[in-house]
């Protein structure tokens, strides 16, 4: 099983992803680690990434997913996966890939980004991500409100994964 915690910056992808991995006793990978240095530099400077910047990144994540699946491993990823086409690349038609959409209000997201330390994402890019976001439907992802506590989100997700 592959779970992908998704959403815009500040929604808690890493926190929720790490907690899910801990509860499932599996590995965790942050999609940010798959970005090229050039992509990281652009984001740090407040320059939005283009699809051309994202294609190699998405393909690298998909390759990692395929490795985990070939090994029969469960893995949790944290990845923005803002557009359906990005999710389609990551899923690649595989029903064993489940997205967890971490949804929050712009105000809550802005507050979280302002208080975050040691991250290369320029807070000014949040609006760009919100504009790019194509929210997944119920057929595509488990949705969780980030106003809930992380523990509540993880419990909700694990309950819904079991029901799928």
Protein backbone atom coordinates (compact mmCIF):
# COMPACT_ATOMS: atom_id res chain seq x y z
CA UNK A 1 0.00 0.00 0.00
CA UNK A 2 1.16 3.50 -0.87
CA UNK A 3 -0.31 6.55 0.88
CA UNK A 4 0.40 10.07 -0.34
CA UNK A 5 -0.36 12.98 2.02
CA UNK A 6 -1.11 15.85 -0.36
CA UNK A 7 -2.06 19.51 -0.36
CA UNK A 8 -0.56 22.97 -0.47
CA UNK A 9 2.34 24.14 1.65
CA UNK A 10 1.51 24.46 5.34
CA UNK A 11 -1.22 21.80 5.38
CA UNK A 12 0.85 19.36 7.44
CA UNK A 13 1.89 16.81 4.81
CA UNK A 14 5.14 15.94 6.53
CA UNK A 15 3.68 15.80 10.04
CA UNK A 16 0.71 13.65 8.98
CA UNK A 17 2.85 11.53 6.66
CA UNK A 18 5.38 10.77 9.39
CA UNK A 19 2.61 9.93 11.86
CA UNK A 20 0.89 7.63 9.36
CA UNK A 21 4.18 5.87 8.64
CA UNK A 22 4.81 5.41 12.35
CA UNK A 23 1.33 3.96 12.93
CA UNK A 24 1.68 1.67 9.91
CA UNK A 25 5.25 0.66 10.80
CA UNK A 26 6.55 1.61 7.37
CA UNK A 27 8.85 4.05 5.63
CA UNK A 28 8.23 7.72 4.94
CA UNK A 29 9.55 9.87 2.10
CA UNK A 30 9.10 13.60 1.66
CA UNK A 31 8.67 14.46 -2.01
CA UNK A 32 10.69 17.63 -1.44
CA UNK A 33 13.77 15.40 -1.27
CA UNK A 34 13.13 14.39 -4.90
CA UNK A 35 13.33 18.01 -6.16
CA UNK A 36 16.40 19.11 -8.05
CA UNK A 37 18.54 21.79 -6.45
CA UNK A 38 17.41 24.15 -9.20
CA UNK A 39 13.77 23.65 -8.17
CA UNK A 40 14.62 24.22 -4.51
CA UNK A 41 16.52 27.39 -5.41
CA UNK A 42 13.55 28.70 -7.44
CA UNK A 43 11.11 28.09 -4.58
CA UNK A 44 13.48 29.67 -2.06
CA UNK A 45 13.58 32.79 -4.27
CA UNK A 46 9.77 32.87 -4.47
CA UNK A 47 9.64 31.76 -8.11
CA UNK A 48 6.75 29.37 -8.79
CA UNK A 49 7.65 26.07 -10.43
CA UNK A 50 6.35 25.32 -13.91
CA UNK A 51 5.06 22.00 -15.13
CA UNK A 52 8.37 21.56 -16.97
CA UNK A 53 10.12 21.88 -13.58
CA UNK A 54 7.75 19.33 -12.05
CA UNK A 55 7.76 16.49 -14.63
CA UNK A 56 11.21 15.08 -13.71
CA UNK A 57 10.35 15.47 -10.00
CA UNK A 58 7.07 13.56 -10.39
CA UNK A 59 8.77 10.83 -12.42
CA UNK A 60 11.42 10.40 -9.69
CA UNK A 61 8.70 9.99 -7.06
CA UNK A 62 6.84 7.52 -9.29
CA UNK A 63 10.05 5.49 -9.69
CA UNK A 64 10.37 5.34 -5.90
CA UNK A 65 6.72 4.21 -5.61
CA UNK A 66 7.38 1.46 -8.14
CA UNK A 67 10.44 0.29 -6.19
CA UNK A 68 8.42 0.07 -2.97
CA UNK A 69 5.58 -1.76 -4.71
CA UNK A 70 7.97 -4.23 -6.36
CA UNK A 71 9.44 -4.96 -2.92
CA UNK A 72 5.94 -5.43 -1.47
CA UNK A 73 6.53 -2.55 0.93
CA UNK A 74 4.08 -0.09 2.40
CA UNK A 75 5.32 3.49 2.14
CA UNK A 76 3.93 6.92 2.98
CA UNK A 77 4.89 9.96 0.91
CA UNK A 78 4.29 13.66 1.46
CA UNK A 79 3.75 15.38 -1.89
CA UNK A 80 1.79 18.47 -2.90
CA UNK A 81 0.27 16.68 -5.95
CA UNK A 82 -1.70 19.84 -6.72
CA UNK A 83 -3.12 18.89 -10.12
CA UNK A 84 -5.00 15.80 -11.17
CA UNK A 85 -2.44 15.17 -13.93
CA UNK A 86 0.30 15.07 -11.25
CA UNK A 87 -1.73 12.59 -9.22
CA UNK A 88 -2.33 10.53 -12.35
CA UNK A 89 1.44 10.31 -12.89
CA UNK A 90 2.03 9.27 -9.29
CA UNK A 91 -0.85 6.77 -9.31
CA UNK A 92 -0.12 5.49 -12.83
CA UNK A 93 -3.46 3.66 -12.86
CA UNK A 94 -2.56 1.75 -9.70
CA UNK A 95 -5.40 1.33 -7.21
CA UNK A 96 -2.87 0.60 -4.44
CA UNK A 97 -1.94 4.31 -4.33
CA UNK A 98 -4.21 6.32 -2.02
CA UNK A 99 -4.10 10.10 -1.71
CA UNK A 100 -4.88 11.88 1.55
CA UNK A 101 -5.97 15.44 0.81
CA UNK A 102 -5.14 17.75 3.73
CA UNK A 103 -7.52 20.65 3.26
CA UNK A 104 -7.43 23.95 5.12
CA UNK A 105 -8.54 27.55 4.88
CA UNK A 106 -6.11 30.05 3.35
CA UNK A 107 -5.96 31.88 6.70
CA UNK A 108 -4.92 28.77 8.63
CA UNK A 109 -2.39 27.81 5.97
CA UNK A 110 -0.82 31.31 6.01
CA UNK A 111 -0.54 31.20 9.81
CA UNK A 112 1.17 27.82 9.73
CA UNK A 113 3.63 28.88 7.03
CA UNK A 114 4.58 32.04 8.96
CA UNK A 115 5.51 30.00 12.05
CA UNK A 116 7.44 27.28 10.20
CA UNK A 117 11.20 27.16 10.64
CA UNK A 118 13.94 25.84 8.36
CA UNK A 119 11.89 25.27 5.21
CA UNK A 120 12.93 26.51 1.76
CA UNK A 121 9.39 27.42 0.65
CA UNK A 122 8.79 31.16 0.27
CA UNK A 123 5.47 31.98 2.00
CA UNK A 124 4.56 34.28 -0.91
CA UNK A 125 4.13 31.15 -3.06
CA UNK A 126 1.08 29.94 -1.11
CA UNK A 127 -1.36 31.85 -3.33
CA UNK A 128 0.29 30.39 -6.41
CA UNK A 129 -0.25 26.89 -4.99
CA UNK A 130 -3.86 27.66 -4.06
CA UNK A 131 -4.44 28.92 -7.61
CA UNK A 132 -2.86 25.76 -9.06
CA UNK A 133 -4.67 23.33 -6.73
CA UNK A 134 -7.25 21.09 -8.36
CA UNK A 135 -8.91 19.63 -5.26
CA UNK A 136 -9.39 15.89 -5.58
CA UNK A 137 -12.86 14.45 -5.39
CA UNK A 138 -14.00 11.68 -3.05
CA UNK A 139 -13.24 9.18 -5.84
CA UNK A 140 -9.62 10.28 -5.81
CA UNK A 141 -8.64 10.93 -2.20
CA UNK A 142 -9.49 10.71 1.46
CA UNK A 143 -10.15 14.27 2.61
CA UNK A 144 -9.12 15.53 6.05
CA UNK A 145 -9.68 18.97 7.55
CA UNK A 146 -6.41 20.34 8.93
CA UNK A 147 -8.32 22.13 11.69
CA UNK A 148 -8.48 18.70 13.36
CA UNK A 149 -5.56 17.60 15.52
CA UNK A 150 -2.90 15.52 13.79
CA UNK A 151 -3.97 12.51 15.89
CA UNK A 152 -7.59 12.94 14.75
CA UNK A 153 -6.51 13.21 11.12
CA UNK A 154 -4.36 10.07 11.31
CA UNK A 155 -7.14 8.07 12.98
CA UNK A 156 -9.65 9.23 10.36
CA UNK A 157 -7.33 8.35 7.50
CA UNK A 158 -6.47 4.90 8.84
CA UNK A 159 -10.15 4.16 9.40
CA UNK A 160 -11.02 5.19 5.84
CA UNK A 161 -8.08 3.28 4.34
CA UNK A 162 -9.33 0.16 6.06
CA UNK A 163 -12.79 0.70 4.54
CA UNK A 164 -11.48 1.06 0.97
